[in-house]
Amino acid sequence: MAADDVFGDTEHRMQQAVEALRRDLATIRTGRASPTLVEALKVEYYGAPTPLQQLAAIHATDARTLTIQPWDRKALGDIEKAIQKSDLGLNPTNDGNVIRLALPALTEERRKDLVKVLVKKVDEAKVAVRNVRRDAHDKLREQEKAKTITEDDLKRSTDRLQKLTDKYIDELDKVKQAKEHEILEV
């Protein structure tokens, strides 16, 4: 594997870490109703944990209400139980056809707790990016030991790798700032 191949793979893996964080942060509740809040919620459906988005249509009917309309009405009870068991802190209302979720306004204390969760998730993503950097650096050192690249090439590649890592760490910080602003917005 040439040094350029290492960088292509490394950048791809770092991008994946950023995208994984974005998907993960979409499930953190802000002040507005969003279907992404419950889409990935696992529902025990005929004995198999199934993502809610595969069982029902999910719509934000207004800024504070989500409606969940299952394709199979027999799943209503299972969906209701899954929402109650989740850490979302929401109370579903079931009218026999759809489930409605009223999202209460976030308290200041709850917003601060959500920011703590956000910081933890961003830190985990940064660790993932740094692990990708470490793996790439190990591959570059192996190439230098195998004499496929020179010591100078290793030094240049290490500097390039650090710049790439810094770029993705900055991107993670921007994602964090945007989400933090969204959470703290009243």
N, C-alpha and C. Protein backbone atom coordinates (compact mmCIF):
# COMPACT_ATOMS: atom_id res chain seq x y z
N MET A 1 0.85 -1.19 0.00
CA MET A 1 0.00 0.00 0.00
C MET A 1 0.89 1.24 0.00
N ALA A 2 0.75 2.07 -1.02
CA ALA A 2 1.55 3.29 -1.13
C ALA A 2 1.05 4.34 -0.14
N ALA A 3 1.90 5.35 0.09
CA ALA A 3 1.54 6.40 1.05
C ALA A 3 0.24 7.09 0.66
N ASP A 4 0.03 7.33 -0.65
CA ASP A 4 -1.21 7.99 -1.10
C ASP A 4 -2.44 7.14 -0.80
N ASP A 5 -2.28 5.80 -0.93
CA ASP A 5 -3.39 4.91 -0.60
C ASP A 5 -3.71 5.00 0.89
N VAL A 6 -2.68 5.10 1.70
CA VAL A 6 -2.87 5.22 3.15
C VAL A 6 -3.67 6.49 3.45
N PHE A 7 -3.33 7.59 2.75
CA PHE A 7 -4.04 8.85 3.00
C PHE A 7 -5.48 8.81 2.51
N GLY A 8 -5.70 8.16 1.38
CA GLY A 8 -7.07 8.04 0.87
C GLY A 8 -7.95 7.28 1.86
N ASP A 9 -7.43 6.15 2.35
CA ASP A 9 -8.16 5.34 3.32
C ASP A 9 -8.35 6.11 4.63
N THR A 10 -7.31 6.80 5.06
CA THR A 10 -7.37 7.55 6.32
C THR A 10 -8.41 8.65 6.24
N GLU A 11 -8.40 9.41 5.16
CA GLU A 11 -9.37 10.51 5.04
C GLU A 11 -10.79 9.96 5.00
N HIS A 12 -10.99 8.87 4.29
CA HIS A 12 -12.31 8.25 4.21
C HIS A 12 -12.79 7.83 5.61
N ARG A 13 -11.91 7.20 6.38
CA ARG A 13 -12.29 6.75 7.72
C ARG A 13 -12.55 7.93 8.66
N MET A 14 -11.81 9.02 8.51
CA MET A 14 -12.04 10.21 9.34
C MET A 14 -13.38 10.85 8.98
N GLN A 15 -13.71 10.88 7.68
CA GLN A 15 -15.01 11.40 7.25
C GLN A 15 -16.14 10.56 7.84
N GLN A 16 -15.94 9.25 7.86
CA GLN A 16 -16.95 8.37 8.43
C GLN A 16 -17.17 8.66 9.91
N ALA A 17 -16.09 8.98 10.63
CA ALA A 17 -16.22 9.31 12.06
C ALA A 17 -17.06 10.57 12.24
N VAL A 18 -16.85 11.56 11.38
CA VAL A 18 -17.62 12.80 11.46
C VAL A 18 -19.09 12.53 11.13
N GLU A 19 -19.35 11.75 10.08
CA GLU A 19 -20.73 11.44 9.70
C GLU A 19 -21.43 10.62 10.78
N ALA A 20 -20.71 9.69 11.40
CA ALA A 20 -21.28 8.89 12.48
C ALA A 20 -21.68 9.80 13.64
N LEU A 21 -20.85 10.79 13.94
CA LEU A 21 -21.18 11.74 15.01
C LEU A 21 -22.44 12.53 14.64
N ARG A 22 -22.51 12.99 13.40
CA ARG A 22 -23.69 13.76 12.98
C ARG A 22 -24.97 12.93 13.14
N ARG A 23 -24.91 11.66 12.72
CA ARG A 23 -26.09 10.79 12.86
C ARG A 23 -26.44 10.58 14.33
N ASP A 24 -25.41 10.41 15.14
CA ASP A 24 -25.61 10.19 16.57
C ASP A 24 -26.22 11.44 17.23
N LEU A 25 -25.74 12.60 16.84
CA LEU A 25 -26.23 13.84 17.45
C LEU A 25 -27.65 14.17 17.02
N ALA A 26 -28.08 13.62 15.90
CA ALA A 26 -29.45 13.87 15.44
C ALA A 26 -30.46 13.28 16.42
N THR A 27 -30.03 12.30 17.21
CA THR A 27 -30.95 11.69 18.18
C THR A 27 -31.01 12.47 19.49
N ILE A 28 -30.15 13.46 19.66
CA ILE A 28 -30.19 14.28 20.88
C ILE A 28 -31.28 15.33 20.69
N ARG A 29 -32.17 15.37 21.63
CA ARG A 29 -33.33 16.24 21.54
C ARG A 29 -32.95 17.70 21.73
N THR A 30 -33.46 18.52 20.85
CA THR A 30 -33.34 19.97 21.04
C THR A 30 -34.74 20.47 21.36
N GLY A 31 -35.02 21.71 21.14
CA GLY A 31 -36.33 22.25 21.45
C GLY A 31 -37.40 21.91 20.43
N ARG A 32 -37.00 21.40 19.24
CA ARG A 32 -37.95 21.15 18.16
C ARG A 32 -38.18 19.66 17.94
N ALA A 33 -39.37 19.32 17.48
CA ALA A 33 -39.70 17.93 17.14
C ALA A 33 -39.03 17.59 15.81
N SER A 34 -38.38 16.44 15.78
CA SER A 34 -37.74 15.97 14.56
C SER A 34 -37.86 14.45 14.50
N PRO A 35 -38.25 13.91 13.35
CA PRO A 35 -38.39 12.45 13.25
C PRO A 35 -37.09 11.70 13.57
N THR A 36 -35.93 12.33 13.35
CA THR A 36 -34.66 11.66 13.64
C THR A 36 -34.51 11.33 15.12
N LEU A 37 -35.30 11.99 15.95
CA LEU A 37 -35.26 11.74 17.39
C LEU A 37 -35.61 10.30 17.72
N VAL A 38 -36.54 9.70 16.96
CA VAL A 38 -37.00 8.34 17.28
C VAL A 38 -36.78 7.32 16.16
N GLU A 39 -36.31 7.75 14.99
CA GLU A 39 -36.17 6.84 13.85
C GLU A 39 -35.39 5.57 14.16
N ALA A 40 -34.28 5.71 14.87
CA ALA A 40 -33.41 4.56 15.13
C ALA A 40 -33.81 3.77 16.38
N LEU A 41 -34.84 4.22 17.07
CA LEU A 41 -35.29 3.55 18.28
C LEU A 41 -35.63 2.09 17.96
N LYS A 42 -35.08 1.16 18.72
CA LYS A 42 -35.32 -0.27 18.47
C LYS A 42 -36.62 -0.71 19.13
N VAL A 43 -37.48 -1.34 18.33
CA VAL A 43 -38.77 -1.84 18.79
C VAL A 43 -38.73 -3.35 18.69
N GLU A 44 -39.15 -4.02 19.75
CA GLU A 44 -39.22 -5.49 19.75
C GLU A 44 -40.45 -5.87 18.92
N TYR A 45 -40.22 -6.30 17.70
CA TYR A 45 -41.30 -6.60 16.76
C TYR A 45 -41.19 -8.04 16.30
N TYR A 46 -42.15 -8.86 16.70
CA TYR A 46 -42.13 -10.30 16.43
C TYR A 46 -40.79 -10.92 16.86
N GLY A 47 -40.31 -10.52 18.02
CA GLY A 47 -39.11 -11.10 18.61
C GLY A 47 -37.80 -10.55 18.10
N ALA A 48 -37.83 -9.61 17.16
CA ALA A 48 -36.58 -9.05 16.61
C ALA A 48 -36.54 -7.55 16.86
N PRO A 49 -35.40 -7.03 17.36
CA PRO A 49 -35.28 -5.57 17.53
C PRO A 49 -35.23 -4.91 16.15
N THR A 50 -36.20 -4.06 15.87
CA THR A 50 -36.34 -3.44 14.56
C THR A 50 -36.37 -1.92 14.72
N PRO A 51 -35.61 -1.18 13.87
CA PRO A 51 -35.67 0.29 13.94
C PRO A 51 -37.09 0.79 13.66
N LEU A 52 -37.52 1.77 14.41
CA LEU A 52 -38.87 2.31 14.29
C LEU A 52 -39.17 2.78 12.87
N GLN A 53 -38.19 3.35 12.20
CA GLN A 53 -38.43 3.87 10.85
C GLN A 53 -38.82 2.77 9.86
N GLN A 54 -38.54 1.50 10.19
CA GLN A 54 -38.93 0.39 9.32
C GLN A 54 -40.35 -0.10 9.64
N LEU A 55 -40.91 0.39 10.73
CA LEU A 55 -42.24 -0.07 11.16
C LEU A 55 -43.34 0.96 10.97
N ALA A 56 -42.94 2.23 10.81
CA ALA A 56 -43.97 3.27 10.83
C ALA A 56 -43.52 4.52 10.08
N ALA A 57 -44.52 5.32 9.73
CA ALA A 57 -44.26 6.65 9.17
C ALA A 57 -44.18 7.61 10.36
N ILE A 58 -43.13 8.44 10.37
CA ILE A 58 -42.92 9.36 11.49
C ILE A 58 -42.95 10.78 10.94
N HIS A 59 -43.80 11.62 11.53
CA HIS A 59 -43.94 13.00 11.04
C HIS A 59 -43.91 13.98 12.21
N ALA A 60 -43.30 15.13 11.95
CA ALA A 60 -43.37 16.24 12.91
C ALA A 60 -44.58 17.07 12.49
N THR A 61 -45.65 16.99 13.26
CA THR A 61 -46.87 17.71 12.89
C THR A 61 -46.78 19.20 13.24
N ASP A 62 -46.01 19.52 14.26
CA ASP A 62 -45.72 20.91 14.59
C ASP A 62 -44.39 20.94 15.34
N ALA A 63 -44.02 22.09 15.88
CA ALA A 63 -42.70 22.24 16.50
C ALA A 63 -42.51 21.37 17.74
N ARG A 64 -43.61 20.92 18.37
CA ARG A 64 -43.49 20.16 19.61
C ARG A 64 -44.18 18.80 19.57
N THR A 65 -44.64 18.35 18.39
CA THR A 65 -45.38 17.09 18.33
C THR A 65 -44.89 16.19 17.21
N LEU A 66 -44.70 14.92 17.54
CA LEU A 66 -44.38 13.89 16.54
C LEU A 66 -45.55 12.93 16.47
N THR A 67 -45.88 12.48 15.28
CA THR A 67 -46.88 11.42 15.14
C THR A 67 -46.20 10.22 14.49
N ILE A 68 -46.54 9.06 15.02
CA ILE A 68 -45.98 7.80 14.53
C ILE A 68 -47.16 6.94 14.10
N GLN A 69 -47.21 6.62 12.81
CA GLN A 69 -48.30 5.81 12.28
C GLN A 69 -47.72 4.50 11.75
N PRO A 70 -47.89 3.41 12.52
CA PRO A 70 -47.33 2.13 12.09
C PRO A 70 -48.09 1.56 10.89
N TRP A 71 -47.35 0.82 10.06
CA TRP A 71 -47.97 0.17 8.91
C TRP A 71 -48.78 -1.05 9.37
N ASP A 72 -48.38 -1.63 10.48
CA ASP A 72 -49.10 -2.76 11.07
C ASP A 72 -49.64 -2.29 12.42
N ARG A 73 -50.96 -2.17 12.54
CA ARG A 73 -51.55 -1.63 13.77
C ARG A 73 -51.26 -2.49 14.99
N LYS A 74 -50.91 -3.76 14.77
CA LYS A 74 -50.57 -4.64 15.90
C LYS A 74 -49.27 -4.19 16.58
N ALA A 75 -48.48 -3.38 15.89
CA ALA A 75 -47.20 -2.93 16.43
C ALA A 75 -47.35 -1.73 17.36
N LEU A 76 -48.53 -1.14 17.45
CA LEU A 76 -48.73 0.06 18.29
C LEU A 76 -48.25 -0.14 19.72
N GLY A 77 -48.64 -1.24 20.34
CA GLY A 77 -48.26 -1.50 21.73
C GLY A 77 -46.75 -1.66 21.88
N ASP A 78 -46.13 -2.36 20.93
CA ASP A 78 -44.68 -2.57 20.98
C ASP A 78 -43.93 -1.24 20.83
N ILE A 79 -44.42 -0.40 19.93
CA ILE A 79 -43.78 0.92 19.72
C ILE A 79 -43.93 1.76 20.98
N GLU A 80 -45.12 1.74 21.57
CA GLU A 80 -45.38 2.51 22.79
C GLU A 80 -44.43 2.08 23.91
N LYS A 81 -44.26 0.75 24.08
CA LYS A 81 -43.36 0.22 25.12
C LYS A 81 -41.93 0.65 24.87
N ALA A 82 -41.49 0.60 23.60
CA ALA A 82 -40.11 0.97 23.27
C ALA A 82 -39.85 2.44 23.59
N ILE A 83 -40.82 3.29 23.33
CA ILE A 83 -40.66 4.72 23.62
C ILE A 83 -40.60 4.95 25.12
N GLN A 84 -41.44 4.24 25.88
CA GLN A 84 -41.44 4.39 27.33
C GLN A 84 -40.14 3.89 27.95
N LYS A 85 -39.56 2.81 27.40
CA LYS A 85 -38.31 2.25 27.93
C LYS A 85 -37.09 3.10 27.56
N SER A 86 -37.20 3.88 26.48
CA SER A 86 -36.05 4.66 26.01
C SER A 86 -35.71 5.76 27.01
N ASP A 87 -34.53 6.35 26.82
CA ASP A 87 -34.09 7.43 27.70
C ASP A 87 -34.51 8.81 27.17
N LEU A 88 -35.53 8.83 26.30
CA LEU A 88 -35.98 10.09 25.72
C LEU A 88 -36.80 10.93 26.70
N GLY A 89 -37.40 10.26 27.68
CA GLY A 89 -38.20 10.98 28.66
C GLY A 89 -39.52 11.48 28.08
N LEU A 90 -40.09 10.72 27.13
CA LEU A 90 -41.33 11.13 26.48
C LEU A 90 -42.46 10.18 26.84
N ASN A 91 -43.68 10.71 26.94
CA ASN A 91 -44.86 9.90 27.22
C ASN A 91 -45.71 9.79 25.96
N PRO A 92 -45.79 8.61 25.37
CA PRO A 92 -46.59 8.46 24.16
C PRO A 92 -48.08 8.39 24.49
N THR A 93 -48.91 8.95 23.60
CA THR A 93 -50.36 8.77 23.70
C THR A 93 -50.80 7.98 22.48
N ASN A 94 -51.53 6.90 22.75
CA ASN A 94 -51.94 5.96 21.72
C ASN A 94 -53.45 6.05 21.57
N ASP A 95 -53.90 6.41 20.36
CA ASP A 95 -55.35 6.49 20.14
C ASP A 95 -55.90 5.29 19.36
N GLY A 96 -55.10 4.27 19.18
CA GLY A 96 -55.53 3.08 18.46
C GLY A 96 -55.13 3.07 17.00
N ASN A 97 -54.80 4.25 16.46
CA ASN A 97 -54.34 4.35 15.07
C ASN A 97 -52.93 4.91 14.98
N VAL A 98 -52.67 5.95 15.75
CA VAL A 98 -51.35 6.60 15.74
C VAL A 98 -50.88 6.84 17.17
N ILE A 99 -49.58 7.05 17.28
CA ILE A 99 -49.00 7.42 18.57
C ILE A 99 -48.54 8.86 18.43
N ARG A 100 -48.91 9.66 19.41
CA ARG A 100 -48.48 11.06 19.41
C ARG A 100 -47.49 11.26 20.55
N LEU A 101 -46.43 11.99 20.22
CA LEU A 101 -45.42 12.33 21.23
C LEU A 101 -45.39 13.84 21.37
N ALA A 102 -45.77 14.33 22.53
CA ALA A 102 -45.70 15.76 22.81
C ALA A 102 -44.36 16.01 23.49
N LEU A 103 -43.54 16.84 22.86
CA LEU A 103 -42.23 17.15 23.42
C LEU A 103 -42.35 18.36 24.32
N PRO A 104 -42.13 18.18 25.62
CA PRO A 104 -42.21 19.33 26.52
C PRO A 104 -41.00 20.24 26.30
N ALA A 105 -41.18 21.49 26.67
CA ALA A 105 -40.07 22.44 26.56
C ALA A 105 -38.93 21.96 27.47
N LEU A 106 -37.72 22.13 27.01
CA LEU A 106 -36.56 21.70 27.79
C LEU A 106 -36.29 22.67 28.92
N THR A 107 -36.01 22.13 30.09
CA THR A 107 -35.64 22.98 31.22
C THR A 107 -34.15 23.33 31.09
N GLU A 108 -33.74 24.33 31.81
CA GLU A 108 -32.33 24.74 31.77
C GLU A 108 -31.42 23.60 32.22
N GLU A 109 -31.86 22.90 33.27
CA GLU A 109 -31.08 21.76 33.79
C GLU A 109 -30.94 20.66 32.74
N ARG A 110 -32.05 20.35 32.04
CA ARG A 110 -32.03 19.31 31.01
C ARG A 110 -31.13 19.72 29.84
N ARG A 111 -31.15 21.01 29.49
CA ARG A 111 -30.28 21.50 28.41
C ARG A 111 -28.80 21.30 28.79
N LYS A 112 -28.47 21.60 30.04
CA LYS A 112 -27.08 21.43 30.48
C LYS A 112 -26.68 19.95 30.46
N ASP A 113 -27.61 19.07 30.84
CA ASP A 113 -27.34 17.63 30.78
C ASP A 113 -27.11 17.18 29.34
N LEU A 114 -27.91 17.72 28.42
CA LEU A 114 -27.75 17.37 27.01
C LEU A 114 -26.41 17.85 26.46
N VAL A 115 -25.96 19.01 26.92
CA VAL A 115 -24.65 19.52 26.49
C VAL A 115 -23.54 18.59 26.99
N LYS A 116 -23.69 18.07 28.21
CA LYS A 116 -22.71 17.11 28.74
C LYS A 116 -22.66 15.86 27.88
N VAL A 117 -23.83 15.36 27.47
CA VAL A 117 -23.90 14.19 26.60
C VAL A 117 -23.24 14.51 25.26
N LEU A 118 -23.51 15.70 24.75
CA LEU A 118 -22.92 16.15 23.49
C LEU A 118 -21.39 16.15 23.57
N VAL A 119 -20.85 16.73 24.63
CA VAL A 119 -19.40 16.81 24.80
C VAL A 119 -18.79 15.40 24.85
N LYS A 120 -19.46 14.49 25.55
CA LYS A 120 -18.96 13.12 25.64
C LYS A 120 -18.92 12.45 24.27
N LYS A 121 -19.98 12.63 23.48
CA LYS A 121 -20.05 12.02 22.15
C LYS A 121 -18.99 12.62 21.22
N VAL A 122 -18.78 13.92 21.30
CA VAL A 122 -17.76 14.56 20.47
C VAL A 122 -16.37 14.07 20.87
N ASP A 123 -16.13 13.93 22.16
CA ASP A 123 -14.83 13.42 22.62
C ASP A 123 -14.59 12.00 22.10
N GLU A 124 -15.64 11.17 22.09
CA GLU A 124 -15.51 9.81 21.55
C GLU A 124 -15.17 9.85 20.07
N ALA A 125 -15.78 10.78 19.33
CA ALA A 125 -15.49 10.91 17.90
C ALA A 125 -14.05 11.37 17.68
N LYS A 126 -13.57 12.27 18.54
CA LYS A 126 -12.18 12.73 18.42
C LYS A 126 -11.21 11.57 18.67
N VAL A 127 -11.54 10.73 19.63
CA VAL A 127 -10.71 9.54 19.89
C VAL A 127 -10.69 8.64 18.65
N ALA A 128 -11.84 8.49 18.01
CA ALA A 128 -11.92 7.66 16.81
C ALA A 128 -11.03 8.23 15.71
N VAL A 129 -11.06 9.55 15.52
CA VAL A 129 -10.22 10.20 14.50
C VAL A 129 -8.74 10.00 14.84
N ARG A 130 -8.40 10.14 16.11
CA ARG A 130 -6.99 9.95 16.51
C ARG A 130 -6.55 8.50 16.35
N ASN A 131 -7.47 7.57 16.56
CA ASN A 131 -7.14 6.16 16.34
C ASN A 131 -6.87 5.89 14.86
N VAL A 132 -7.63 6.53 13.99
CA VAL A 132 -7.40 6.40 12.55
C VAL A 132 -6.01 6.96 12.22
N ARG A 133 -5.67 8.10 12.83
CA ARG A 133 -4.34 8.69 12.60
C ARG A 133 -3.25 7.73 13.05
N ARG A 134 -3.43 7.13 14.23
CA ARG A 134 -2.43 6.19 14.74
C ARG A 134 -2.25 5.00 13.79
N ASP A 135 -3.37 4.45 13.30
CA ASP A 135 -3.29 3.33 12.36
C ASP A 135 -2.53 3.72 11.10
N ALA A 136 -2.83 4.91 10.57
CA ALA A 136 -2.15 5.38 9.35
C ALA A 136 -0.67 5.58 9.62
N HIS A 137 -0.34 6.13 10.77
CA HIS A 137 1.06 6.36 11.12
C HIS A 137 1.81 5.03 11.23
N ASP A 138 1.16 4.03 11.82
CA ASP A 138 1.77 2.69 11.91
C ASP A 138 2.04 2.12 10.53
N LYS A 139 1.08 2.29 9.61
CA LYS A 139 1.28 1.80 8.23
C LYS A 139 2.45 2.51 7.55
N LEU A 140 2.55 3.81 7.77
CA LEU A 140 3.65 4.57 7.18
C LEU A 140 5.00 4.11 7.75
N ARG A 141 5.05 3.85 9.06
CA ARG A 141 6.30 3.37 9.67
C ARG A 141 6.68 1.99 9.12
N GLU A 142 5.66 1.15 8.90
CA GLU A 142 5.94 -0.17 8.31
C GLU A 142 6.53 -0.02 6.91
N GLN A 143 6.00 0.94 6.16
CA GLN A 143 6.54 1.17 4.81
C GLN A 143 7.98 1.65 4.88
N GLU A 144 8.28 2.48 5.86
CA GLU A 144 9.65 2.99 6.00
C GLU A 144 10.59 1.85 6.38
N LYS A 145 10.12 0.96 7.27
CA LYS A 145 10.94 -0.19 7.66
C LYS A 145 11.15 -1.13 6.49
N ALA A 146 10.14 -1.26 5.62
CA ALA A 146 10.24 -2.14 4.45
C ALA A 146 11.00 -1.45 3.31
N LYS A 147 11.44 -0.22 3.56
CA LYS A 147 12.22 0.56 2.59
C LYS A 147 11.42 0.92 1.32
N THR A 148 10.08 0.98 1.43
CA THR A 148 9.28 1.41 0.28
C THR A 148 9.13 2.93 0.26
N ILE A 149 9.36 3.58 1.42
CA ILE A 149 9.45 5.04 1.47
C ILE A 149 10.69 5.41 2.28
N THR A 150 11.20 6.61 2.04
CA THR A 150 12.42 7.05 2.74
C THR A 150 12.04 7.68 4.09
N GLU A 151 13.05 7.95 4.89
CA GLU A 151 12.83 8.60 6.18
C GLU A 151 12.26 9.99 6.00
N ASP A 152 12.74 10.70 4.96
CA ASP A 152 12.20 12.04 4.66
C ASP A 152 10.73 11.95 4.25
N ASP A 153 10.39 10.92 3.44
CA ASP A 153 8.99 10.73 3.04
C ASP A 153 8.12 10.47 4.27
N LEU A 154 8.66 9.70 5.22
CA LEU A 154 7.93 9.41 6.45
C LEU A 154 7.66 10.70 7.21
N LYS A 155 8.68 11.56 7.31
CA LYS A 155 8.53 12.84 8.02
C LYS A 155 7.47 13.71 7.34
N ARG A 156 7.54 13.83 6.00
CA ARG A 156 6.56 14.64 5.27
C ARG A 156 5.15 14.04 5.43
N SER A 157 5.06 12.73 5.35
CA SER A 157 3.77 12.06 5.48
C SER A 157 3.19 12.23 6.88
N THR A 158 4.05 12.20 7.88
CA THR A 158 3.60 12.39 9.26
C THR A 158 3.03 13.80 9.44
N ASP A 159 3.71 14.80 8.86
CA ASP A 159 3.22 16.18 8.94
C ASP A 159 1.87 16.31 8.22
N ARG A 160 1.78 15.68 7.05
CA ARG A 160 0.53 15.72 6.27
C ARG A 160 -0.59 15.03 7.04
N LEU A 161 -0.27 13.94 7.70
CA LEU A 161 -1.24 13.19 8.49
C LEU A 161 -1.75 14.04 9.66
N GLN A 162 -0.85 14.79 10.29
CA GLN A 162 -1.25 15.64 11.41
C GLN A 162 -2.18 16.76 10.93
N LYS A 163 -1.87 17.33 9.75
CA LYS A 163 -2.74 18.39 9.21
C LYS A 163 -4.13 17.84 8.90
N LEU A 164 -4.18 16.62 8.36
CA LEU A 164 -5.45 15.97 8.06
C LEU A 164 -6.25 15.73 9.34
N THR A 165 -5.55 15.26 10.36
CA THR A 165 -6.19 15.01 11.66
C THR A 165 -6.74 16.31 12.24
N ASP A 166 -5.92 17.38 12.20
CA ASP A 166 -6.36 18.68 12.72
C ASP A 166 -7.60 19.18 11.98
N LYS A 167 -7.64 18.95 10.66
CA LYS A 167 -8.80 19.38 9.86
C LYS A 167 -10.07 18.69 10.35
N TYR A 168 -10.00 17.39 10.61
CA TYR A 168 -11.20 16.67 11.04
C TYR A 168 -11.56 16.94 12.49
N ILE A 169 -10.58 17.19 13.32
CA ILE A 169 -10.86 17.58 14.71
C ILE A 169 -11.58 18.93 14.71
N ASP A 170 -11.12 19.87 13.85
CA ASP A 170 -11.79 21.17 13.73
C ASP A 170 -13.23 20.99 13.25
N GLU A 171 -13.43 20.07 12.29
CA GLU A 171 -14.78 19.82 11.79
C GLU A 171 -15.68 19.27 12.91
N LEU A 172 -15.13 18.39 13.74
CA LEU A 172 -15.89 17.86 14.87
C LEU A 172 -16.27 18.98 15.84
N ASP A 173 -15.33 19.91 16.06
CA ASP A 173 -15.61 21.04 16.95
C ASP A 173 -16.72 21.93 16.38
N LYS A 174 -16.74 22.11 15.05
CA LYS A 174 -17.79 22.92 14.42
C LYS A 174 -19.15 22.23 14.57
N VAL A 175 -19.19 20.91 14.39
CA VAL A 175 -20.42 20.16 14.57
C VAL A 175 -20.91 20.32 16.01
N LYS A 176 -19.98 20.24 16.96
CA LYS A 176 -20.31 20.38 18.38
C LYS A 176 -20.88 21.78 18.66
N GLN A 177 -20.22 22.81 18.14
CA GLN A 177 -20.70 24.17 18.40
C GLN A 177 -22.11 24.38 17.85
N ALA A 178 -22.36 23.87 16.64
CA ALA A 178 -23.68 24.04 16.04
C ALA A 178 -24.75 23.34 16.86
N LYS A 179 -24.46 22.12 17.30
CA LYS A 179 -25.44 21.37 18.09
C LYS A 179 -25.63 21.99 19.46
N GLU A 180 -24.55 22.47 20.06
CA GLU A 180 -24.64 23.12 21.38
C GLU A 180 -25.51 24.37 21.28
N HIS A 181 -25.34 25.13 20.21
CA HIS A 181 -26.16 26.33 20.01
C HIS A 181 -27.63 25.94 19.86
N GLU A 182 -27.88 24.85 19.12
CA GLU A 182 -29.23 24.36 18.91
C GLU A 182 -29.88 23.93 20.23
N ILE A 183 -29.09 23.26 21.08
CA ILE A 183 -29.62 22.79 22.37
C ILE A 183 -29.91 23.95 23.32
N LEU A 184 -29.01 24.92 23.37
CA LEU A 184 -29.15 26.01 24.32
C LEU A 184 -30.10 27.10 23.86
N GLU A 185 -30.49 27.06 22.58
CA GLU A 185 -31.42 28.05 22.04
C GLU A 185 -32.78 27.88 22.71
N VAL A 186 -33.30 28.98 23.22
CA VAL A 186 -34.58 28.91 23.94
C VAL A 186 -35.72 29.26 23.01
